[in-house]
Protein backbone atom coordinates (compact mmCIF):
# COMPACT_ATOMS: atom_id res chain seq x y z
CA GLN A 1 0.00 0.00 0.00
CA ALA A 2 1.42 3.34 -1.03
CA GLN A 3 2.01 5.73 1.83
CA VAL A 4 3.55 9.14 2.35
CA VAL A 5 4.47 10.25 5.86
CA GLU A 6 5.76 13.68 6.81
CA SER A 7 7.61 14.46 10.03
CA GLY A 8 9.82 17.04 11.64
CA GLY A 9 7.35 19.78 12.42
CA GLY A 10 6.94 21.42 15.79
CA LEU A 11 6.94 24.67 17.72
CA VAL A 12 9.87 26.88 16.78
CA GLN A 13 10.87 30.40 17.73
CA PRO A 14 11.18 33.04 15.02
CA GLY A 15 14.59 32.85 13.41
CA GLY A 16 14.92 29.15 14.03
CA SER A 17 15.36 26.31 11.58
CA LEU A 18 13.66 23.03 10.83
CA ARG A 19 14.19 20.11 8.52
CA LEU A 20 11.00 18.40 7.47
CA SER A 21 11.17 14.85 6.19
CA CYS A 22 8.82 12.87 4.02
CA VAL A 23 9.15 9.14 3.53
CA ALA A 24 7.31 7.41 0.71
CA SER A 25 6.67 3.67 0.74
CA GLY A 26 4.99 1.49 -1.83
CA PHE A 27 6.23 3.78 -4.60
CA THR A 28 9.00 3.51 -7.12
CA PHE A 29 10.29 6.70 -5.60
CA ASP A 30 13.03 7.49 -8.07
CA THR A 31 10.57 7.57 -10.97
CA LEU A 32 8.38 10.26 -9.43
CA GLY A 33 8.46 13.99 -9.09
CA LEU A 34 7.55 15.49 -5.75
CA GLY A 35 6.44 18.69 -4.13
CA TRP A 36 6.14 20.40 -0.79
CA TYR A 37 3.07 22.45 0.08
CA ARG A 38 1.86 24.52 2.98
CA GLN A 39 -1.60 25.32 4.24
CA ALA A 40 -1.71 28.23 6.62
CA PRO A 41 -4.70 28.73 8.91
CA GLY A 42 -7.64 30.02 6.92
CA LYS A 43 -5.77 29.88 3.63
CA GLU A 44 -5.58 27.62 0.63
CA ARG A 45 -2.81 25.13 0.20
CA GLU A 46 0.15 26.72 -1.57
CA LEU A 47 2.98 25.19 -3.51
CA LEU A 48 6.39 25.78 -1.96
CA ALA A 49 8.81 23.69 -3.98
CA THR A 50 9.07 20.85 -6.45
CA MET A 51 11.80 18.51 -7.56
CA ASN A 52 12.01 16.14 -10.50
CA ARG A 53 12.74 12.46 -10.11
CA SER A 54 16.51 12.74 -10.33
CA GLY A 55 16.77 15.85 -8.16
CA GLY A 56 18.43 17.75 -10.96
CA ASP A 57 15.59 20.18 -11.56
CA THR A 58 13.90 22.12 -8.81
CA TYR A 59 11.41 24.92 -8.44
CA THR A 60 11.01 27.04 -5.32
CA SER A 61 8.34 29.67 -4.84
CA ASP A 62 9.64 33.22 -4.93
CA SER A 63 8.08 33.86 -1.54
CA VAL A 64 10.32 31.32 0.21
CA ARG A 65 13.27 30.84 -2.14
CA GLU A 66 15.80 32.52 0.13
CA ARG A 67 14.93 30.33 3.11
CA PHE A 68 13.55 26.98 1.87
CA THR A 69 15.54 24.20 0.23
CA VAL A 70 14.10 20.98 -1.14
CA SER A 71 16.18 17.85 -1.55
CA ARG A 72 15.70 14.13 -2.00
CA ASP A 73 17.49 10.91 -1.18
CA ASN A 74 16.23 8.35 -3.65
CA PRO A 75 17.79 5.25 -2.01
CA LYS A 76 15.95 6.22 1.18
CA SER A 77 12.72 7.16 -0.64
CA THR A 78 12.82 10.39 1.31
CA THR A 79 12.51 14.05 0.54
CA TYR A 80 13.48 16.90 2.82
CA LEU A 81 12.49 20.52 3.17
CA GLN A 82 15.11 22.57 4.97
CA ILE A 83 13.72 25.81 6.37
CA LYS A 84 15.82 28.55 7.91
CA ASP A 85 15.00 31.89 9.49
CA LEU A 86 11.47 30.82 10.30
CA LYS A 87 8.83 33.53 10.52
CA PRO A 88 5.40 33.52 12.16
CA GLU A 89 3.83 33.52 8.69
CA ASP A 90 5.45 30.14 8.06
CA THR A 91 3.00 28.63 10.51
CA GLY A 92 0.85 25.98 8.92
CA VAL A 93 0.56 22.35 7.97
CA TYR A 94 3.26 21.19 5.59
CA TYR A 95 2.44 18.46 3.11
CA CYS A 96 4.49 16.34 0.81
CA GLY A 97 3.17 15.07 -2.49
CA VAL A 98 4.93 12.19 -4.25
CA GLY A 99 3.45 11.32 -7.61
CA LEU A 100 -0.27 11.19 -6.83
CA GLY A 101 0.23 10.33 -3.16
CA TRP A 102 -0.22 12.73 -0.25
CA GLY A 103 0.69 12.59 3.38
CA GLN A 104 -1.30 13.79 6.36
CA GLY A 105 1.00 16.73 6.90
CA THR A 106 3.18 17.94 9.73
CA GLN A 107 2.34 21.03 11.78
CA VAL A 108 4.82 23.86 12.00
CA THR A 109 4.14 26.64 14.46
CA VAL A 110 6.44 29.63 14.64
CA SER A 111 5.93 31.64 17.78
CA SER A 112 7.87 33.20 20.59
């Protein structure tokens, strides 16, 4: 059964860093593109970053490009989203999409 599981969220102070992880199982991971998304309270889900199957081609939204970095480890069927200099507006649920599969998300709360 295909499954996508995000982790690594939590409560972080402004200016802090986090690395979110997303593990995909039941997929041929290295044949699939992936993306990271965020849904802030009361807002629609927004695309943050994408990466092609080899990791050689990425897209990062202008709004987060300076602070967010997407990566993948194909042998581990895992993708990461490194976030630095967290801001309160980064608060939300972060989702990973692998192919057509979605995880349940991981909550990130940025607050002092």
